[in-house]
Amino acid sequence: MPELARVKLLSQLEALKSLKARIDALERRIGSWQRREADCERLATIPGVGRLTATAVVATVADARSFRSGRKFAAFLGLVPRQSGTGGRVKLLGISKRGDPYLRTLLIPVLAA
């Protein structure tokens, strides 16, 4: 292997190690915040919901009691079809994809399970 390529690869390896250390530090901070938040602890008991998903939900939704139902919460996230209709007839449209895309990305695998 040429010396220049070897030096560049070692430099990239050091950068990856540094990045991994920063990610680990952030995950520890998120974990300690999660342990202090009762809402995060309750969410983490749901099968398929981990530390990142629980903290993202709590950080995005300040007060879950502001939603009258689970469907209203799912509609806020853009996880259920939009409803439209008149005269008592309800028509389900496509998924709205409104809300926080990061949170929706975290929750879709949980809902599919």
PDB file of N, CA and C in Angstrom:
ATOM      1  N   MET A   1       0.858  -1.169   0.000  1.00  0.00           N
ATOM      2  CA  MET A   1       0.000   0.000   0.000  1.00  0.00           C
ATOM      3  C   MET A   1       0.908   1.238   0.000  1.00  0.00           C
ATOM      4  N   PRO A   2       0.631   2.194  -0.860  1.00  0.00           N
ATOM      5  CA  PRO A   2       1.449   3.405  -0.879  1.00  0.00           C
ATOM      6  C   PRO A   2       1.382   4.145   0.456  1.00  0.00           C
ATOM      7  N   GLU A   3       2.453   4.785   0.805  1.00  0.00           N
ATOM      8  CA  GLU A   3       2.554   5.490   2.096  1.00  0.00           C
ATOM      9  C   GLU A   3       1.489   6.583   2.227  1.00  0.00           C
ATOM     10  N   LEU A   4       1.240   7.329   1.163  1.00  0.00           N
ATOM     11  CA  LEU A   4       0.246   8.404   1.208  1.00  0.00           C
ATOM     12  C   LEU A   4      -1.147   7.839   1.513  1.00  0.00           C
ATOM     13  N   ALA A   5      -1.508   6.730   0.875  1.00  0.00           N
ATOM     14  CA  ALA A   5      -2.807   6.112   1.124  1.00  0.00           C
ATOM     15  C   ALA A   5      -2.885   5.601   2.556  1.00  0.00           C
ATOM     16  N   ARG A   6      -1.795   5.040   3.040  1.00  0.00           N
ATOM     17  CA  ARG A   6      -1.757   4.521   4.414  1.00  0.00           C
ATOM     18  C   ARG A   6      -1.962   5.652   5.420  1.00  0.00           C
ATOM     19  N   VAL A   7      -1.300   6.783   5.191  1.00  0.00           N
ATOM     20  CA  VAL A   7      -1.424   7.941   6.087  1.00  0.00           C
ATOM     21  C   VAL A   7      -2.864   8.467   6.063  1.00  0.00           C
ATOM     22  N   LYS A   8      -3.452   8.554   4.884  1.00  0.00           N
ATOM     23  CA  LYS A   8      -4.834   9.048   4.770  1.00  0.00           C
ATOM     24  C   LYS A   8      -5.820   8.097   5.454  1.00  0.00           C
ATOM     25  N   LEU A   9      -5.618   6.801   5.283  1.00  0.00           N
ATOM     26  CA  LEU A   9      -6.497   5.824   5.932  1.00  0.00           C
ATOM     27  C   LEU A   9      -6.379   5.889   7.447  1.00  0.00           C
ATOM     28  N   LEU A  10      -5.174   6.032   7.952  1.00  0.00           N
ATOM     29  CA  LEU A  10      -4.994   6.169   9.402  1.00  0.00           C
ATOM     30  C   LEU A  10      -5.650   7.444   9.913  1.00  0.00           C
ATOM     31  N   SER A  11      -5.566   8.513   9.126  1.00  0.00           N
ATOM     32  CA  SER A  11      -6.222   9.758   9.503  1.00  0.00           C
ATOM     33  C   SER A  11      -7.737   9.570   9.568  1.00  0.00           C
ATOM     34  N   GLN A  12      -8.301   8.881   8.597  1.00  0.00           N
ATOM     35  CA  GLN A  12      -9.739   8.610   8.590  1.00  0.00           C
ATOM     36  C   GLN A  12     -10.145   7.714   9.758  1.00  0.00           C
ATOM     37  N   LEU A  13      -9.301   6.761  10.086  1.00  0.00           N
ATOM     38  CA  LEU A  13      -9.575   5.877  11.220  1.00  0.00           C
ATOM     39  C   LEU A  13      -9.611   6.666  12.520  1.00  0.00           C
ATOM     40  N   GLU A  14      -8.677   7.596  12.688  1.00  0.00           N
ATOM     41  CA  GLU A  14      -8.675   8.436  13.889  1.00  0.00           C
ATOM     42  C   GLU A  14      -9.922   9.310  13.944  1.00  0.00           C
ATOM     43  N   ALA A  15     -10.340   9.835  12.792  1.00  0.00           N
ATOM     44  CA  ALA A  15     -11.558  10.650  12.750  1.00  0.00           C
ATOM     45  C   ALA A  15     -12.773   9.818  13.136  1.00  0.00           C
ATOM     46  N   LEU A  16     -12.837   8.582  12.661  1.00  0.00           N
ATOM     47  CA  LEU A  16     -13.957   7.698  13.018  1.00  0.00           C
ATOM     48  C   LEU A  16     -13.960   7.371  14.510  1.00  0.00           C
ATOM     49  N   LYS A  17     -12.789   7.139  15.074  1.00  0.00           N
ATOM     50  CA  LYS A  17     -12.703   6.866  16.512  1.00  0.00           C
ATOM     51  C   LYS A  17     -13.167   8.071  17.321  1.00  0.00           C
ATOM     52  N   SER A  18     -12.782   9.258  16.885  1.00  0.00           N
ATOM     53  CA  SER A  18     -13.205  10.475  17.570  1.00  0.00           C
ATOM     54  C   SER A  18     -14.717  10.654  17.479  1.00  0.00           C
ATOM     55  N   LEU A  19     -15.258  10.406  16.301  1.00  0.00           N
ATOM     56  CA  LEU A  19     -16.705  10.519  16.111  1.00  0.00           C
ATOM     57  C   LEU A  19     -17.449   9.506  16.965  1.00  0.00           C
ATOM     58  N   LYS A  20     -16.954   8.286  17.040  1.00  0.00           N
ATOM     59  CA  LYS A  20     -17.583   7.259  17.877  1.00  0.00           C
ATOM     60  C   LYS A  20     -17.566   7.665  19.340  1.00  0.00           C
ATOM     61  N   ALA A  21     -16.464   8.261  19.785  1.00  0.00           N
ATOM     62  CA  ALA A  21     -16.388   8.721  21.179  1.00  0.00           C
ATOM     63  C   ALA A  21     -17.411   9.814  21.447  1.00  0.00           C
ATOM     64  N   ARG A  22     -17.599  10.722  20.489  1.00  0.00           N
ATOM     65  CA  ARG A  22     -18.596  11.788  20.660  1.00  0.00           C
ATOM     66  C   ARG A  22     -20.007  11.214  20.681  1.00  0.00           C
ATOM     67  N   ILE A  23     -20.279  10.243  19.810  1.00  0.00           N
ATOM     68  CA  ILE A  23     -21.599   9.608  19.788  1.00  0.00           C
ATOM     69  C   ILE A  23     -21.869   8.890  21.108  1.00  0.00           C
ATOM     70  N   ASP A  24     -20.873   8.162  21.620  1.00  0.00           N
ATOM     71  CA  ASP A  24     -21.034   7.460  22.893  1.00  0.00           C
ATOM     72  C   ASP A  24     -21.315   8.443  24.026  1.00  0.00           C
ATOM     73  N   ALA A  25     -20.612   9.594  24.024  1.00  0.00           N
ATOM     74  CA  ALA A  25     -20.839  10.604  25.063  1.00  0.00           C
ATOM     75  C   ALA A  25     -22.259  11.155  24.971  1.00  0.00           C
ATOM     76  N   LEU A  26     -22.730  11.423  23.762  1.00  0.00           N
ATOM     77  CA  LEU A  26     -24.095  11.922  23.596  1.00  0.00           C
ATOM     78  C   LEU A  26     -25.125  10.893  24.028  1.00  0.00           C
ATOM     79  N   GLU A  27     -24.889   9.623  23.703  1.00  0.00           N
ATOM     80  CA  GLU A  27     -25.820   8.578  24.127  1.00  0.00           C
ATOM     81  C   GLU A  27     -25.863   8.447  25.645  1.00  0.00           C
ATOM     82  N   ARG A  28     -24.722   8.638  26.299  1.00  0.00           N
ATOM     83  CA  ARG A  28     -24.720   8.610  27.772  1.00  0.00           C
ATOM     84  C   ARG A  28     -25.519   9.777  28.335  1.00  0.00           C
ATOM     85  N   ARG A  29     -25.372  10.966  27.722  1.00  0.00           N
ATOM     86  CA  ARG A  29     -26.137  12.128  28.190  1.00  0.00           C
ATOM     87  C   ARG A  29     -27.624  11.909  27.990  1.00  0.00           C
ATOM     88  N   ILE A  30     -28.003  11.353  26.821  1.00  0.00           N
ATOM     89  CA  ILE A  30     -29.415  11.071  26.557  1.00  0.00           C
ATOM     90  C   ILE A  30     -29.940  10.045  27.560  1.00  0.00           C
ATOM     91  N   GLY A  31     -29.137   9.032  27.837  1.00  0.00           N
ATOM     92  CA  GLY A  31     -29.541   8.004  28.802  1.00  0.00           C
ATOM     93  C   GLY A  31     -29.752   8.562  30.197  1.00  0.00           C
ATOM     94  N   SER A  32     -28.879   9.454  30.626  1.00  0.00           N
ATOM     95  CA  SER A  32     -29.049  10.026  31.969  1.00  0.00           C
ATOM     96  C   SER A  32     -30.272  10.933  32.012  1.00  0.00           C
ATOM     97  N   TRP A  33     -30.546  11.667  30.916  1.00  0.00           N
ATOM     98  CA  TRP A  33     -31.744  12.504  30.873  1.00  0.00           C
ATOM     99  C   TRP A  33     -32.983  11.632  30.892  1.00  0.00           C
ATOM    100  N   GLN A  34     -32.936  10.511  30.163  1.00  0.00           N
ATOM    101  CA  GLN A  34     -34.087   9.608  30.112  1.00  0.00           C
ATOM    102  C   GLN A  34     -34.398   9.044  31.493  1.00  0.00           C
ATOM    103  N   ARG A  35     -33.379   8.686  32.239  1.00  0.00           N
ATOM    104  CA  ARG A  35     -33.608   8.114  33.575  1.00  0.00           C
ATOM    105  C   ARG A  35     -34.222   9.136  34.531  1.00  0.00           C
ATOM    106  N   ARG A  36     -34.004  10.426  34.292  1.00  0.00           N
ATOM    107  CA  ARG A  36     -34.580  11.462  35.152  1.00  0.00           C
ATOM    108  C   ARG A  36     -36.015  11.802  34.768  1.00  0.00           C
ATOM    109  N   GLU A  37     -36.416  11.486  33.538  1.00  0.00           N
ATOM    110  CA  GLU A  37     -37.756  11.821  33.057  1.00  0.00           C
ATOM    111  C   GLU A  37     -38.685  10.617  33.199  1.00  0.00           C
ATOM    112  N   ALA A  38     -39.723  10.782  33.984  1.00  0.00           N
ATOM    113  CA  ALA A  38     -40.674   9.685  34.208  1.00  0.00           C
ATOM    114  C   ALA A  38     -41.399   9.307  32.914  1.00  0.00           C
ATOM    115  N   ASP A  39     -41.723  10.299  32.085  1.00  0.00           N
ATOM    116  CA  ASP A  39     -42.419  10.005  30.829  1.00  0.00           C
ATOM    117  C   ASP A  39     -41.555   9.144  29.917  1.00  0.00           C
ATOM    118  N   CYS A  40     -40.256   9.422  29.883  1.00  0.00           N
ATOM    119  CA  CYS A  40     -39.344   8.615  29.061  1.00  0.00           C
ATOM    120  C   CYS A  40     -39.292   7.177  29.570  1.00  0.00           C
ATOM    121  N   GLU A  41     -39.256   7.024  30.857  1.00  0.00           N
ATOM    122  CA  GLU A  41     -39.201   5.684  31.441  1.00  0.00           C
ATOM    123  C   GLU A  41     -40.459   4.891  31.088  1.00  0.00           C
ATOM    124  N   ARG A  42     -41.623   5.548  31.155  1.00  0.00           N
ATOM    125  CA  ARG A  42     -42.873   4.860  30.814  1.00  0.00           C
ATOM    126  C   ARG A  42     -42.900   4.479  29.340  1.00  0.00           C
ATOM    127  N   LEU A  43     -42.477   5.394  28.472  1.00  0.00           N
ATOM    128  CA  LEU A  43     -42.461   5.086  27.041  1.00  0.00           C
ATOM    129  C   LEU A  43     -41.489   3.966  26.713  1.00  0.00           C
ATOM    130  N   ALA A  44     -40.375   3.917  27.415  1.00  0.00           N
ATOM    131  CA  ALA A  44     -39.360   2.901  27.138  1.00  0.00           C
ATOM    132  C   ALA A  44     -39.840   1.495  27.511  1.00  0.00           C
ATOM    133  N   THR A  45     -40.910   1.378  28.287  1.00  0.00           N
ATOM    134  CA  THR A  45     -41.433   0.059  28.632  1.00  0.00           C
ATOM    135  C   THR A  45     -42.245  -0.558  27.490  1.00  0.00           C
ATOM    136  N   ILE A  46     -42.603   0.255  26.494  1.00  0.00           N
ATOM    137  CA  ILE A  46     -43.341  -0.257  25.337  1.00  0.00           C
ATOM    138  C   ILE A  46     -42.386  -1.087  24.491  1.00  0.00           C
ATOM    139  N   PRO A  47     -42.784  -2.304  24.114  1.00  0.00           N
ATOM    140  CA  PRO A  47     -41.887  -3.124  23.287  1.00  0.00           C
ATOM    141  C   PRO A  47     -41.537  -2.428  21.974  1.00  0.00           C
ATOM    142  N   GLY A  48     -40.269  -2.388  21.656  1.00  0.00           N
ATOM    143  CA  GLY A  48     -39.790  -1.759  20.428  1.00  0.00           C
ATOM    144  C   GLY A  48     -39.418  -0.303  20.574  1.00  0.00           C
ATOM    145  N   VAL A  49     -39.768   0.304  21.706  1.00  0.00           N
ATOM    146  CA  VAL A  49     -39.425   1.705  21.936  1.00  0.00           C
ATOM    147  C   VAL A  49     -38.177   1.746  22.804  1.00  0.00           C
ATOM    148  N   GLY A  50     -37.132   2.308  22.271  1.00  0.00           N
ATOM    149  CA  GLY A  50     -35.869   2.384  22.993  1.00  0.00           C
ATOM    150  C   GLY A  50     -35.610   3.773  23.534  1.00  0.00           C
ATOM    151  N   ARG A  51     -34.373   3.975  23.937  1.00  0.00           N
ATOM    152  CA  ARG A  51     -33.958   5.235  24.555  1.00  0.00           C
ATOM    153  C   ARG A  51     -34.138   6.418  23.600  1.00  0.00           C
ATOM    154  N   LEU A  52     -33.695   6.280  22.356  1.00  0.00           N
ATOM    155  CA  LEU A  52     -33.779   7.400  21.418  1.00  0.00           C
ATOM    156  C   LEU A  52     -35.222   7.747  21.072  1.00  0.00           C
ATOM    157  N   THR A  53     -36.046   6.735  20.850  1.00  0.00           N
ATOM    158  CA  THR A  53     -37.444   6.993  20.502  1.00  0.00           C
ATOM    159  C   THR A  53     -38.181   7.635  21.668  1.00  0.00           C
ATOM    160  N   ALA A  54     -37.985   7.122  22.866  1.00  0.00           N
ATOM    161  CA  ALA A  54     -38.668   7.670  24.040  1.00  0.00           C
ATOM    162  C   ALA A  54     -38.273   9.120  24.284  1.00  0.00           C
ATOM    163  N   THR A  55     -36.987   9.417  24.212  1.00  0.00           N
ATOM    164  CA  THR A  55     -36.553  10.800  24.447  1.00  0.00           C
ATOM    165  C   THR A  55     -37.009  11.723  23.318  1.00  0.00           C
ATOM    166  N   ALA A  56     -37.054  11.226  22.083  1.00  0.00           N
ATOM    167  CA  ALA A  56     -37.513  12.059  20.967  1.00  0.00           C
ATOM    168  C   ALA A  56     -38.996  12.395  21.118  1.00  0.00           C
ATOM    169  N   VAL A  57     -39.805  11.424  21.554  1.00  0.00           N
ATOM    170  CA  VAL A  57     -41.234  11.680  21.750  1.00  0.00           C
ATOM    171  C   VAL A  57     -41.432  12.712  22.849  1.00  0.00           C
ATOM    172  N   VAL A  58     -40.752  12.548  23.966  1.00  0.00           N
ATOM    173  CA  VAL A  58     -40.913  13.481  25.086  1.00  0.00           C
ATOM    174  C   VAL A  58     -40.413  14.872  24.703  1.00  0.00           C
ATOM    175  N   ALA A  59     -39.324  14.941  23.956  1.00  0.00           N
ATOM    176  CA  ALA A  59     -38.787  16.241  23.550  1.00  0.00           C
ATOM    177  C   ALA A  59     -39.699  16.936  22.530  1.00  0.00           C
ATOM    178  N   THR A  60     -40.369  16.165  21.677  1.00  0.00           N
ATOM    179  CA  THR A  60     -41.220  16.748  20.645  1.00  0.00           C
ATOM    180  C   THR A  60     -42.592  17.122  21.183  1.00  0.00           C
ATOM    181  N   VAL A  61     -43.154  16.271  22.018  1.00  0.00           N
ATOM    182  CA  VAL A  61     -44.506  16.476  22.541  1.00  0.00           C
ATOM    183  C   VAL A  61     -44.387  16.914  23.994  1.00  0.00           C
ATOM    184  N   ALA A  62     -44.595  18.179  24.223  1.00  0.00           N
ATOM    185  CA  ALA A  62     -44.436  18.713  25.584  1.00  0.00           C
ATOM    186  C   ALA A  62     -45.459  18.100  26.546  1.00  0.00           C
ATOM    187  N   ASP A  63     -46.725  18.084  26.142  1.00  0.00           N
ATOM    188  CA  ASP A  63     -47.777  17.556  27.016  1.00  0.00           C
ATOM    189  C   ASP A  63     -48.692  16.660  26.195  1.00  0.00           C
ATOM    190  N   ALA A  64     -48.609  15.369  26.415  1.00  0.00           N
ATOM    191  CA  ALA A  64     -49.406  14.407  25.652  1.00  0.00           C
ATOM    192  C   ALA A  64     -50.894  14.543  25.964  1.00  0.00           C
ATOM    193  N   ARG A  65     -51.241  15.144  27.096  1.00  0.00           N
ATOM    194  CA  ARG A  65     -52.647  15.314  27.453  1.00  0.00           C
ATOM    195  C   ARG A  65     -53.361  16.310  26.535  1.00  0.00           C
ATOM    196  N   SER A  66     -52.611  17.047  25.731  1.00  0.00           N
ATOM    197  CA  SER A  66     -53.242  17.988  24.808  1.00  0.00           C
ATOM    198  C   SER A  66     -53.936  17.270  23.645  1.00  0.00           C
ATOM    199  N   PHE A  67     -53.660  15.971  23.474  1.00  0.00           N
ATOM    200  CA  PHE A  67     -54.322  15.179  22.434  1.00  0.00           C
ATOM    201  C   PHE A  67     -55.493  14.442  23.052  1.00  0.00           C
ATOM    202  N   ARG A  68     -56.664  14.541  22.417  1.00  0.00           N
ATOM    203  CA  ARG A  68     -57.858  13.915  22.973  1.00  0.00           C
ATOM    204  C   ARG A  68     -57.855  12.407  22.822  1.00  0.00           C
ATOM    205  N   SER A  69     -57.117  11.893  21.852  1.00  0.00           N
ATOM    206  CA  SER A  69     -57.092  10.447  21.641  1.00  0.00           C
ATOM    207  C   SER A  69     -55.763  10.049  21.025  1.00  0.00           C
ATOM    208  N   GLY A  70     -55.535   8.739  20.980  1.00  0.00           N
ATOM    209  CA  GLY A  70     -54.327   8.232  20.351  1.00  0.00           C
ATOM    210  C   GLY A  70     -54.311   8.527  18.863  1.00  0.00           C
ATOM    211  N   ARG A  71     -55.501   8.536  18.238  1.00  0.00           N
ATOM    212  CA  ARG A  71     -55.565   8.847  16.821  1.00  0.00           C
ATOM    213  C   ARG A  71     -55.172  10.290  16.557  1.00  0.00           C
ATOM    214  N   LYS A  72     -55.569  11.195  17.434  1.00  0.00           N
ATOM    215  CA  LYS A  72     -55.183  12.603  17.284  1.00  0.00           C
ATOM    216  C   LYS A  72     -53.655  12.739  17.381  1.00  0.00           C
ATOM    217  N   PHE A  73     -53.060  12.001  18.301  1.00  0.00           N
ATOM    218  CA  PHE A  73     -51.602  12.024  18.429  1.00  0.00           C
ATOM    219  C   PHE A  73     -50.940  11.464  17.171  1.00  0.00           C
ATOM    220  N   ALA A  74     -51.469  10.332  16.665  1.00  0.00           N
ATOM    221  CA  ALA A  74     -50.916   9.732  15.449  1.00  0.00           C
ATOM    222  C   ALA A  74     -51.107  10.659  14.248  1.00  0.00           C
ATOM    223  N   ALA A  75     -52.218  11.377  14.195  1.00  0.00           N
ATOM    224  CA  ALA A  75     -52.445  12.328  13.112  1.00  0.00           C
ATOM    225  C   ALA A  75     -51.460  13.492  13.215  1.00  0.00           C
ATOM    226  N   PHE A  76     -51.162  13.926  14.419  1.00  0.00           N
ATOM    227  CA  PHE A  76     -50.180  14.990  14.646  1.00  0.00           C
ATOM    228  C   PHE A  76     -48.815  14.580  14.094  1.00  0.00           C
ATOM    229  N   LEU A  77     -48.478  13.301  14.238  1.00  0.00           N
ATOM    230  CA  LEU A  77     -47.201  12.800  13.750  1.00  0.00           C
ATOM    231  C   LEU A  77     -47.226  12.468  12.263  1.00  0.00           C
ATOM    232  N   GLY A  78     -48.424  12.380  11.672  1.00  0.00           N
ATOM    233  CA  GLY A  78     -48.546  12.033  10.268  1.00  0.00           C
ATOM    234  C   GLY A  78     -48.472  10.541  10.026  1.00  0.00           C
ATOM    235  N   LEU A  79     -48.917   9.750  10.984  1.00  0.00           N
ATOM    236  CA  LEU A  79     -48.834   8.292  10.885  1.00  0.00           C
ATOM    237  C   LEU A  79     -50.133   7.627  10.434  1.00  0.00           C
ATOM    238  N   VAL A  80     -51.230   8.360  10.389  1.00  0.00           N
ATOM    239  CA  VAL A  80     -52.518   7.769   9.999  1.00  0.00           C
ATOM    240  C   VAL A  80     -53.097   8.561   8.831  1.00  0.00           C
ATOM    241  N   PRO A  81     -54.002   7.936   8.076  1.00  0.00           N
ATOM    242  CA  PRO A  81     -54.604   8.655   6.949  1.00  0.00           C
ATOM    243  C   PRO A  81     -55.414   9.863   7.409  1.00  0.00           C
ATOM    244  N   ARG A  82     -55.415  10.880   6.572  1.00  0.00           N
ATOM    245  CA  ARG A  82     -56.250  12.051   6.857  1.00  0.00           C
ATOM    246  C   ARG A  82     -57.708  11.673   6.648  1.00  0.00           C
ATOM    247  N   GLN A  83     -58.580  12.307   7.398  1.00  0.00           N
ATOM    248  CA  GLN A  83     -60.007  12.057   7.258  1.00  0.00           C
ATOM    249  C   GLN A  83     -60.668  13.266   6.622  1.00  0.00           C
ATOM    250  N   SER A  84     -61.578  12.991   5.737  1.00  0.00           N
ATOM    251  CA  SER A  84     -62.357  14.046   5.117  1.00  0.00           C
ATOM    252  C   SER A  84     -63.752  13.493   4.876  1.00  0.00           C
ATOM    253  N   GLY A  85     -64.734  14.347   4.897  1.00  0.00           N
ATOM    254  CA  GLY A  85     -66.070  13.861   4.626  1.00  0.00           C
ATOM    255  C   GLY A  85     -67.127  14.867   5.030  1.00  0.00           C
ATOM    256  N   THR A  86     -68.327  14.652   4.505  1.00  0.00           N
ATOM    257  CA  THR A  86     -69.464  15.493   4.856  1.00  0.00           C
ATOM    258  C   THR A  86     -70.681  14.607   5.028  1.00  0.00           C
ATOM    259  N   GLY A  87     -71.646  15.104   5.708  1.00  0.00           N
ATOM    260  CA  GLY A  87     -72.900  14.385   5.878  1.00  0.00           C
ATOM    261  C   GLY A  87     -72.760  13.063   6.597  1.00  0.00           C
ATOM    262  N   GLY A  88     -71.793  12.961   7.489  1.00  0.00           N
ATOM    263  CA  GLY A  88     -71.611  11.743   8.248  1.00  0.00           C
ATOM    264  C   GLY A  88     -70.807  10.675   7.529  1.00  0.00           C
ATOM    265  N   ARG A  89     -70.435  10.921   6.277  1.00  0.00           N
ATOM    266  CA  ARG A  89     -69.619   9.959   5.534  1.00  0.00           C
ATOM    267  C   ARG A  89     -68.156  10.355   5.681  1.00  0.00           C
ATOM    268  N   VAL A  90     -67.365   9.427   6.131  1.00  0.00           N
ATOM    269  CA  VAL A  90     -65.951   9.693   6.347  1.00  0.00           C
ATOM    270  C   VAL A  90     -65.151   9.053   5.229  1.00  0.00           C
ATOM    271  N   LYS A  91     -64.263   9.813   4.656  1.00  0.00           N
ATOM    272  CA  LYS A  91     -63.396   9.316   3.592  1.00  0.00           C
ATOM    273  C   LYS A  91     -61.954   9.401   4.084  1.00  0.00           C
ATOM    274  N   LEU A  92     -61.250   8.269   4.032  1.00  0.00           N
ATOM    275  CA  LEU A  92     -59.858   8.257   4.446  1.00  0.00           C
ATOM    276  C   LEU A  92     -58.972   8.558   3.249  1.00  0.00           C
ATOM    277  N   LEU A  93     -58.138   9.555   3.413  1.00  0.00           N
ATOM    278  CA  LEU A  93     -57.210   9.950   2.361  1.00  0.00           C
ATOM    279  C   LEU A  93     -55.845   9.339   2.646  1.00  0.00           C
ATOM    280  N   GLY A  94     -54.836   9.753   1.928  1.00  0.00           N
ATOM    281  CA  GLY A  94     -53.488   9.234   2.138  1.00  0.00           C
ATOM    282  C   GLY A  94     -52.882   9.730   3.442  1.00  0.00           C
ATOM    283  N   ILE A  95     -51.776   9.118   3.817  1.00  0.00           N
ATOM    284  CA  ILE A  95     -51.066   9.548   5.018  1.00  0.00           C
ATOM    285  C   ILE A  95     -50.539  10.951   4.783  1.00  0.00           C
ATOM    286  N   SER A  96     -50.730  11.826   5.738  1.00  0.00           N
ATOM    287  CA  SER A  96     -50.434  13.242   5.545  1.00  0.00           C
ATOM    288  C   SER A  96     -48.938  13.552   5.564  1.00  0.00           C
ATOM    289  N   LYS A  97     -48.151  12.765   6.265  1.00  0.00           N
ATOM    290  CA  LYS A  97     -46.720  13.000   6.418  1.00  0.00           C
ATOM    291  C   LYS A  97     -46.427  14.369   7.032  1.00  0.00           C
ATOM    292  N   ARG A  98     -47.322  14.830   7.841  1.00  0.00           N
ATOM    293  CA  ARG A  98     -47.080  16.052   8.590  1.00  0.00           C
ATOM    294  C   ARG A  98     -46.390  15.678   9.881  1.00  0.00           C
ATOM    295  N   GLY A  99     -45.944  16.658  10.595  1.00  0.00           N
ATOM    296  CA  GLY A  99     -45.291  16.392  11.859  1.00  0.00           C
ATOM    297  C   GLY A  99     -43.790  16.217  11.692  1.00  0.00           C
ATOM    298  N   ASP A 100     -43.173  15.752  12.743  1.00  0.00           N
ATOM    299  CA  ASP A 100     -41.720  15.623  12.797  1.00  0.00           C
ATOM    300  C   ASP A 100     -41.260  14.393  12.012  1.00  0.00           C
ATOM    301  N   PRO A 101     -40.518  14.572  10.909  1.00  0.00           N
ATOM    302  CA  PRO A 101     -40.099  13.411  10.120  1.00  0.00           C
ATOM    303  C   PRO A 101     -39.155  12.480  10.874  1.00  0.00           C
ATOM    304  N   TYR A 102     -38.307  13.022  11.748  1.00  0.00           N
ATOM    305  CA  TYR A 102     -37.388  12.175  12.522  1.00  0.00           C
ATOM    306  C   TYR A 102     -38.174  11.269  13.457  1.00  0.00           C
ATOM    307  N   LEU A 103     -39.146  11.826  14.146  1.00  0.00           N
ATOM    308  CA  LEU A 103     -39.951  11.036  15.075  1.00  0.00           C
ATOM    309  C   LEU A 103     -40.776   9.998  14.327  1.00  0.00           C
ATOM    310  N   ARG A 104     -41.325  10.383  13.174  1.00  0.00           N
ATOM    311  CA  ARG A 104     -42.088   9.429  12.369  1.00  0.00           C
ATOM    312  C   ARG A 104     -41.188   8.276  11.919  1.00  0.00           C
ATOM    313  N   THR A 105     -39.950   8.587  11.546  1.00  0.00           N
ATOM    314  CA  THR A 105     -38.999   7.553  11.129  1.00  0.00           C
ATOM    315  C   THR A 105     -38.701   6.596  12.268  1.00  0.00           C
ATOM    316  N   LEU A 106     -38.608   7.113  13.482  1.00  0.00           N
ATOM    317  CA  LEU A 106     -38.352   6.252  14.634  1.00  0.00           C
ATOM    318  C   LEU A 106     -39.557   5.373  14.970  1.00  0.00           C
ATOM    319  N   LEU A 107     -40.747   5.881  14.777  1.00  0.00           N
ATOM    320  CA  LEU A 107     -41.954   5.157  15.198  1.00  0.00           C
ATOM    321  C   LEU A 107     -42.471   4.174  14.170  1.00  0.00           C
ATOM    322  N   ILE A 108     -42.194   4.341  12.900  1.00  0.00           N
ATOM    323  CA  ILE A 108     -42.733   3.448  11.882  1.00  0.00           C
ATOM    324  C   ILE A 108     -42.307   2.003  12.112  1.00  0.00           C
ATOM    325  N   PRO A 109     -41.029   1.682  12.422  1.00  0.00           N
ATOM    326  CA  PRO A 109     -40.692   0.269  12.687  1.00  0.00           C
ATOM    327  C   PRO A 109     -41.421  -0.285  13.908  1.00  0.00           C
ATOM    328  N   VAL A 110     -41.697   0.549  14.900  1.00  0.00           N
ATOM    329  CA  VAL A 110     -42.416   0.082  16.094  1.00  0.00           C
ATOM    330  C   VAL A 110     -43.846  -0.279  15.723  1.00  0.00           C
ATOM    331  N   LEU A 111     -44.469   0.517  14.888  1.00  0.00           N
ATOM    332  CA  LEU A 111     -45.855   0.268  14.496  1.00  0.00           C
ATOM    333  C   LEU A 111     -45.977  -0.915  13.563  1.00  0.00           C
ATOM    334  N   ALA A 112     -44.946  -1.172  12.774  1.00  0.00           N
ATOM    335  CA  ALA A 112     -44.978  -2.284  11.824  1.00  0.00           C
ATOM    336  C   ALA A 112     -44.797  -3.630  12.511  1.00  0.00           C
ATOM    337  N   ALA A 113     -44.241  -3.626  13.706  1.00  0.00           N
ATOM    338  CA  ALA A 113     -43.975  -4.894  14.411  1.00  0.00           C
ATOM    339  C   ALA A 113     -45.216  -5.513  14.970  1.00  0.00           C
TER     340      ALA A 113
END
